[in-house]
């Protein structure tokens, strides 16, 4: 029997009016052990997240070469008791084999997601990883945005958003004001404040709801500094690691977990409704949810504030 779900807070996702758990689950790494996919483990990870009070599931055709969507669909079919509270968001435009932001491809992309997920209604749908150089094409009558607007008029899609991994590519789309929601990766964490420069001010101006991805800096802010540990897509400087050590000291003084501090820091910002840390295992999914529900005193945030600035912005390979 699953343990009782923690009292995971909810926030409203901008002007969509949709209330989501302040911790969601990112499905790009589901069930991966040593880069090998264990589908049973992935399935149990989705269930663990939902059992723990998570309501938002973030997936995309890109993730696990579209297997992520299939696993999420199976998880919801086999546990209708959990599916009732689940909000699934997916994306169009970035396929496992490349990019295509045309109207026709967006329509085909959605049809594929319908088949894999087993759902025919999407409360939240995003254009995925569109480069800023293609902005006019993406938003033209023959582009992906027009396709999503058509689906929106038909009731297939409720709210349309933008989700671009590189914040410098993401910002111009957010600044158009054409989107209600945005997934913002690689731009906001205890070590990265890039989103404060352009993305968050624009989101606030237009009433957009923000979903922060990569809030744990590929694991460093989940576990803290560990000798010999490596992080995918990151090469943290010695100064940065020493700084994380100082953050850990503040956490220790207040009896706050680093994981809770990292996740709840993001959702303290007014435009951020939720974070979507990736989970590979049920244990990670449960830990993230528990961290989102952890009680943190105001005095902790006051002591932490002087340590917050951009240390490692963007991807460091």
Protein backbone atom coordinates (compact mmCIF):
# COMPACT_ATOMS: atom_id res chain seq x y z
CA UNK A 1 0.00 0.00 0.00
CA UNK A 2 1.29 3.45 -0.93
CA UNK A 3 2.11 5.81 1.91
CA UNK A 4 -0.17 8.88 2.29
CA UNK A 5 0.60 11.70 -0.15
CA UNK A 6 2.36 14.71 1.36
CA UNK A 7 0.52 18.00 1.53
CA UNK A 8 2.05 19.26 -1.69
CA UNK A 9 1.05 22.90 -2.31
CA UNK A 10 -0.56 24.07 -5.53
CA UNK A 11 -0.24 27.30 -7.48
CA UNK A 12 -2.19 28.70 -10.40
CA UNK A 13 -0.39 28.53 -13.74
CA UNK A 14 -0.65 32.14 -14.85
CA UNK A 15 -3.77 33.21 -16.66
CA UNK A 16 -4.68 29.60 -17.55
CA UNK A 17 -6.42 29.35 -14.19
CA UNK A 18 -5.16 25.78 -13.83
CA UNK A 19 -3.89 24.86 -10.37
CA UNK A 20 -0.87 22.54 -10.47
CA UNK A 21 1.25 20.95 -7.76
CA UNK A 22 4.33 23.05 -7.07
CA UNK A 23 6.43 19.99 -7.89
CA UNK A 24 5.70 18.08 -11.08
CA UNK A 25 7.59 15.24 -12.70
CA UNK A 26 9.83 15.58 -15.75
CA UNK A 27 9.75 12.45 -17.90
CA UNK A 28 12.90 12.78 -20.02
CA UNK A 29 14.87 10.32 -17.86
CA UNK A 30 12.20 7.89 -16.68
CA UNK A 31 13.52 4.45 -15.79
CA UNK A 32 17.08 5.02 -16.97
CA UNK A 33 19.77 2.97 -15.23
CA UNK A 34 23.25 3.43 -16.67
CA UNK A 35 21.58 4.89 -19.78
CA UNK A 36 19.50 1.72 -20.27
CA UNK A 37 15.72 2.06 -20.11
CA UNK A 38 13.83 -0.15 -17.66
CA UNK A 39 10.20 0.35 -18.67
CA UNK A 40 8.80 -1.27 -15.54
CA UNK A 41 10.90 1.08 -13.42
CA UNK A 42 9.71 4.01 -15.53
CA UNK A 43 6.09 3.01 -15.05
CA UNK A 44 6.50 2.75 -11.28
CA UNK A 45 8.21 6.15 -11.27
CA UNK A 46 5.16 7.84 -12.81
CA UNK A 47 2.89 6.11 -10.32
CA UNK A 48 5.13 7.08 -7.39
CA UNK A 49 4.98 10.74 -8.44
CA UNK A 50 1.19 10.73 -8.67
CA UNK A 51 0.81 8.80 -5.41
CA UNK A 52 2.97 11.46 -3.76
CA UNK A 53 0.65 14.32 -4.65
CA UNK A 54 2.17 15.40 -7.99
CA UNK A 55 -0.44 16.50 -10.53
CA UNK A 56 1.69 17.74 -13.47
CA UNK A 57 3.40 15.27 -15.83
CA UNK A 58 5.78 16.80 -18.38
CA UNK A 59 6.66 14.75 -21.44
CA UNK A 60 7.41 15.18 -25.16
CA UNK A 61 7.87 13.10 -28.31
CA UNK A 62 11.61 13.78 -27.99
CA UNK A 63 11.96 12.10 -24.60
CA UNK A 64 13.25 8.52 -24.69
CA UNK A 65 12.61 8.54 -28.45
CA UNK A 66 8.83 8.88 -27.85
CA UNK A 67 8.78 5.97 -25.37
CA UNK A 68 8.25 8.47 -22.53
CA UNK A 69 4.80 9.36 -23.89
CA UNK A 70 3.92 5.69 -24.28
CA UNK A 71 4.93 4.94 -20.69
CA UNK A 72 2.93 7.89 -19.36
CA UNK A 73 -0.09 6.72 -21.36
CA UNK A 74 0.21 3.21 -19.97
CA UNK A 75 0.64 4.53 -16.43
CA UNK A 76 -2.60 6.50 -16.69
CA UNK A 77 -4.54 3.65 -18.30
CA UNK A 78 -3.51 1.11 -15.69
CA UNK A 79 -4.14 3.43 -12.73
CA UNK A 80 -7.32 5.39 -13.46
CA UNK A 81 -7.50 6.28 -9.76
CA UNK A 82 -4.30 8.29 -10.24
CA UNK A 83 -5.13 9.52 -13.73
CA UNK A 84 -8.10 11.50 -12.39
CA UNK A 85 -5.77 14.07 -10.83
CA UNK A 86 -3.10 14.08 -13.55
CA UNK A 87 -2.45 16.96 -15.94
CA UNK A 88 -0.29 15.86 -18.87
CA UNK A 89 1.65 18.42 -20.89
CA UNK A 90 3.49 17.54 -24.06
CA UNK A 91 5.10 19.34 -26.99
CA UNK A 92 5.43 19.59 -30.77
CA UNK A 93 8.26 20.42 -33.15
CA UNK A 94 11.28 18.56 -31.76
CA UNK A 95 11.29 14.94 -32.79
CA UNK A 96 13.86 12.26 -31.93
CA UNK A 97 15.10 12.58 -35.52
CA UNK A 98 15.12 16.36 -35.87
CA UNK A 99 13.10 19.59 -35.91
CA UNK A 100 10.07 20.65 -37.91
CA UNK A 101 7.90 23.64 -37.00
CA UNK A 102 5.47 23.54 -39.93
CA UNK A 103 1.69 23.44 -39.59
CA UNK A 104 1.43 19.95 -41.06
CA UNK A 105 4.15 18.48 -38.88
CA UNK A 106 2.62 19.97 -35.74
CA UNK A 107 -0.66 18.27 -36.63
CA UNK A 108 1.09 14.94 -37.22
CA UNK A 109 3.04 15.37 -34.01
CA UNK A 110 -0.16 15.83 -32.01
CA UNK A 111 -1.73 12.79 -33.64
CA UNK A 112 1.26 10.72 -32.58
CA UNK A 113 0.97 12.01 -29.02
CA UNK A 114 -2.74 11.17 -28.98
CA UNK A 115 -1.93 7.59 -29.97
CA UNK A 116 0.95 7.14 -27.52
CA UNK A 117 -0.67 8.86 -24.55
CA UNK A 118 -4.16 7.57 -25.17
CA UNK A 119 -5.70 10.99 -24.58
CA UNK A 120 -7.40 13.33 -27.02
CA UNK A 121 -7.46 16.53 -25.00
CA UNK A 122 -4.42 18.57 -23.94
CA UNK A 123 -4.82 21.25 -21.27
CA UNK A 124 -1.23 22.42 -21.85
CA UNK A 125 0.69 22.08 -25.12
CA UNK A 126 4.03 23.63 -26.08
CA UNK A 127 6.15 24.33 -29.14
CA UNK A 128 9.43 22.61 -28.33
CA UNK A 129 12.97 23.98 -28.81
CA UNK A 130 12.19 26.38 -31.64
CA UNK A 131 15.27 28.53 -32.39
CA UNK A 132 14.82 32.29 -32.37
CA UNK A 133 15.98 32.48 -36.00
CA UNK A 134 12.79 30.62 -36.97
CA UNK A 135 10.45 32.77 -34.91
CA UNK A 136 8.66 34.31 -37.89
CA UNK A 137 8.24 30.91 -39.54
CA UNK A 138 6.96 29.28 -36.35
CA UNK A 139 4.37 32.02 -35.88
CA UNK A 140 3.36 32.42 -39.52
CA UNK A 141 0.04 31.09 -40.91
CA UNK A 142 1.81 27.95 -42.11
CA UNK A 143 3.69 27.41 -38.86
CA UNK A 144 3.31 25.35 -35.72
CA UNK A 145 1.54 28.09 -33.76
CA UNK A 146 -1.26 28.27 -36.32
CA UNK A 147 -1.78 24.51 -36.01
CA UNK A 148 -2.05 24.76 -32.23
CA UNK A 149 -4.45 27.70 -32.52
CA UNK A 150 -6.62 25.57 -34.84
CA UNK A 151 -6.62 22.74 -32.31
CA UNK A 152 -7.39 25.28 -29.60
CA UNK A 153 -10.45 26.49 -31.52
CA UNK A 154 -11.62 22.87 -31.78
CA UNK A 155 -11.25 22.23 -28.06
CA UNK A 156 -8.39 19.73 -28.47
CA UNK A 157 -5.91 22.11 -26.83
CA UNK A 158 -6.71 24.53 -24.03
CA UNK A 159 -3.52 26.57 -23.55
CA UNK A 160 -0.56 27.06 -25.88
CA UNK A 161 3.00 27.60 -24.68
CA UNK A 162 6.66 27.76 -25.60
CA UNK A 163 9.38 25.46 -24.25
CA UNK A 164 12.95 26.07 -25.43
CA UNK A 165 15.94 24.60 -23.66
CA UNK A 166 18.31 27.54 -24.30
CA UNK A 167 17.09 30.64 -22.41
CA UNK A 168 18.58 32.96 -25.04
CA UNK A 169 16.42 31.21 -27.65
CA UNK A 170 13.40 31.00 -25.34
CA UNK A 171 13.27 34.67 -24.37
CA UNK A 172 12.24 36.11 -27.79
CA UNK A 173 9.22 33.79 -27.92
CA UNK A 174 8.15 34.65 -24.37
CA UNK A 175 8.50 38.34 -25.22
CA UNK A 176 6.00 38.11 -28.10
CA UNK A 177 3.14 37.79 -25.62
CA UNK A 178 1.55 35.17 -27.89
CA UNK A 179 1.82 32.34 -25.37
CA UNK A 180 0.00 31.70 -22.10
CA UNK A 181 2.61 29.39 -20.62
CA UNK A 182 6.32 28.65 -20.85
CA UNK A 183 8.61 25.84 -19.79
CA UNK A 184 11.85 27.54 -18.75
CA UNK A 185 14.90 25.25 -18.51
CA UNK A 186 18.54 26.13 -17.79
CA UNK A 187 17.61 29.60 -16.52
CA UNK A 188 16.48 29.58 -12.90
CA UNK A 189 17.93 27.83 -9.87
CA UNK A 190 19.96 28.57 -6.77
CA UNK A 191 22.94 28.84 -9.14
CA UNK A 192 21.39 30.51 -12.17
CA UNK A 193 19.36 33.73 -12.32
CA UNK A 194 19.33 34.26 -16.09
CA UNK A 195 15.52 34.11 -16.25
CA UNK A 196 15.32 37.33 -14.24
CA UNK A 197 16.88 39.27 -17.12
CA UNK A 198 14.22 38.84 -19.82
CA UNK A 199 12.02 35.78 -19.41
CA UNK A 200 10.39 36.42 -16.04
CA UNK A 201 9.76 40.15 -16.63
CA UNK A 202 8.01 39.31 -19.92
CA UNK A 203 6.06 36.47 -18.33
CA UNK A 204 4.89 38.78 -15.58
CA UNK A 205 3.93 41.46 -18.09
CA UNK A 206 1.73 39.07 -20.06
CA UNK A 207 0.36 37.04 -17.16
CA UNK A 208 2.10 33.88 -18.34
CA UNK A 209 2.46 30.83 -16.17
CA UNK A 210 6.01 29.48 -15.87
CA UNK A 211 7.15 25.90 -15.38
CA UNK A 212 10.81 25.75 -14.34
CA UNK A 213 12.82 22.81 -15.67
CA UNK A 214 16.30 21.72 -14.54
CA UNK A 215 15.87 23.26 -11.07
CA UNK A 216 18.40 20.84 -9.57
CA UNK A 217 21.27 21.55 -11.98
CA UNK A 218 21.42 17.92 -13.15
CA UNK A 219 21.52 16.59 -9.59
CA UNK A 220 24.02 18.82 -7.80
CA UNK A 221 21.25 20.62 -5.90
CA UNK A 222 19.56 17.34 -5.04
CA UNK A 223 22.47 15.63 -3.33
CA UNK A 224 24.96 18.40 -2.62
CA UNK A 225 28.68 18.22 -3.28
CA UNK A 226 30.04 14.69 -3.37
CA UNK A 227 33.61 13.73 -4.16
CA UNK A 228 33.96 12.28 -7.65
CA UNK A 229 30.32 12.86 -8.60
CA UNK A 230 29.58 13.79 -12.22
CA UNK A 231 26.54 15.56 -13.65
CA UNK A 232 25.32 15.11 -17.25
CA UNK A 233 25.95 18.20 -19.34
CA UNK A 234 27.74 20.00 -16.51
CA UNK A 235 31.32 20.68 -15.46
CA UNK A 236 31.02 22.76 -12.30
CA UNK A 237 33.96 24.94 -11.28
CA UNK A 238 35.68 24.43 -7.95
CA UNK A 239 34.42 27.87 -6.87
CA UNK A 240 30.86 26.91 -7.71
CA UNK A 241 31.10 23.65 -5.75
CA UNK A 242 32.53 25.55 -2.79
CA UNK A 243 29.59 27.94 -3.01
CA UNK A 244 27.13 25.03 -2.95
CA UNK A 245 28.91 23.89 0.19
CA UNK A 246 28.05 27.24 1.78
CA UNK A 247 24.40 26.78 0.80
CA UNK A 248 24.50 23.33 2.40
CA UNK A 249 25.82 24.92 5.59
CA UNK A 250 22.84 27.28 5.73
CA UNK A 251 20.51 24.33 5.15
CA UNK A 252 22.15 22.38 7.98
CA UNK A 253 21.82 25.29 10.42
CA UNK A 254 18.08 25.51 9.78
CA UNK A 255 17.38 21.78 9.44
CA UNK A 256 16.29 22.21 5.80
CA UNK A 257 17.15 19.74 3.06
CA UNK A 258 19.09 21.09 0.09
CA UNK A 259 16.57 19.43 -2.22
CA UNK A 260 13.66 21.28 -0.60
CA UNK A 261 15.55 24.57 -0.71
CA UNK A 262 16.36 24.15 -4.42
CA UNK A 263 12.82 23.27 -5.47
CA UNK A 264 10.94 25.70 -3.24
CA UNK A 265 13.29 28.57 -4.08
CA UNK A 266 12.02 28.44 -7.67
CA UNK A 267 8.33 28.43 -6.83
CA UNK A 268 8.70 31.37 -4.44
CA UNK A 269 8.95 33.59 -7.50
CA UNK A 270 5.47 34.98 -8.35
CA UNK A 271 5.48 33.87 -12.01
CA UNK A 272 6.66 30.31 -11.30
CA UNK A 273 3.84 27.89 -10.60
CA UNK A 274 5.79 24.66 -10.53
CA UNK A 275 9.10 22.89 -11.11
CA UNK A 276 9.53 19.67 -13.07
CA UNK A 277 12.65 17.89 -11.81
CA UNK A 278 13.38 14.77 -13.81
CA UNK A 279 12.90 11.48 -12.01
CA UNK A 280 14.50 8.19 -13.00
CA UNK A 281 13.20 6.07 -10.14
CA UNK A 282 10.22 5.94 -7.76
CA UNK A 283 12.56 6.95 -4.95
CA UNK A 284 13.56 10.15 -6.77
CA UNK A 285 9.92 10.98 -7.58
CA UNK A 286 8.88 10.53 -3.94
CA UNK A 287 11.86 12.52 -2.64
CA UNK A 288 11.04 15.44 -4.93
CA UNK A 289 7.42 15.52 -3.81
CA UNK A 290 8.36 15.32 -0.13
CA UNK A 291 10.84 18.17 -0.64
CA UNK A 292 8.10 20.28 -2.18
CA UNK A 293 5.96 19.76 0.92
CA UNK A 294 8.78 20.32 3.44
CA UNK A 295 8.23 23.19 5.87
CA UNK A 296 10.88 25.92 5.53
CA UNK A 297 11.07 28.85 7.98
CA UNK A 298 11.27 32.44 6.77
CA UNK A 299 14.56 32.85 8.64
CA UNK A 300 16.14 30.29 6.31
CA UNK A 301 15.31 32.32 3.22
CA UNK A 302 16.66 35.47 4.85
CA UNK A 303 19.99 33.75 5.59
CA UNK A 304 20.13 32.19 2.12
CA UNK A 305 19.44 35.40 0.20
CA UNK A 306 23.04 36.73 0.18
CA UNK A 307 24.23 33.49 -1.46
CA UNK A 308 21.86 33.60 -4.42
CA UNK A 309 23.30 34.80 -7.70
CA UNK A 310 24.28 33.35 -11.06
CA UNK A 311 27.22 30.99 -10.72
CA UNK A 312 26.82 28.52 -13.55
CA UNK A 313 24.50 29.83 -16.25
CA UNK A 314 23.67 27.62 -19.18
CA UNK A 315 25.05 24.23 -20.12
CA UNK A 316 28.65 23.45 -19.25
CA UNK A 317 29.96 20.36 -21.00
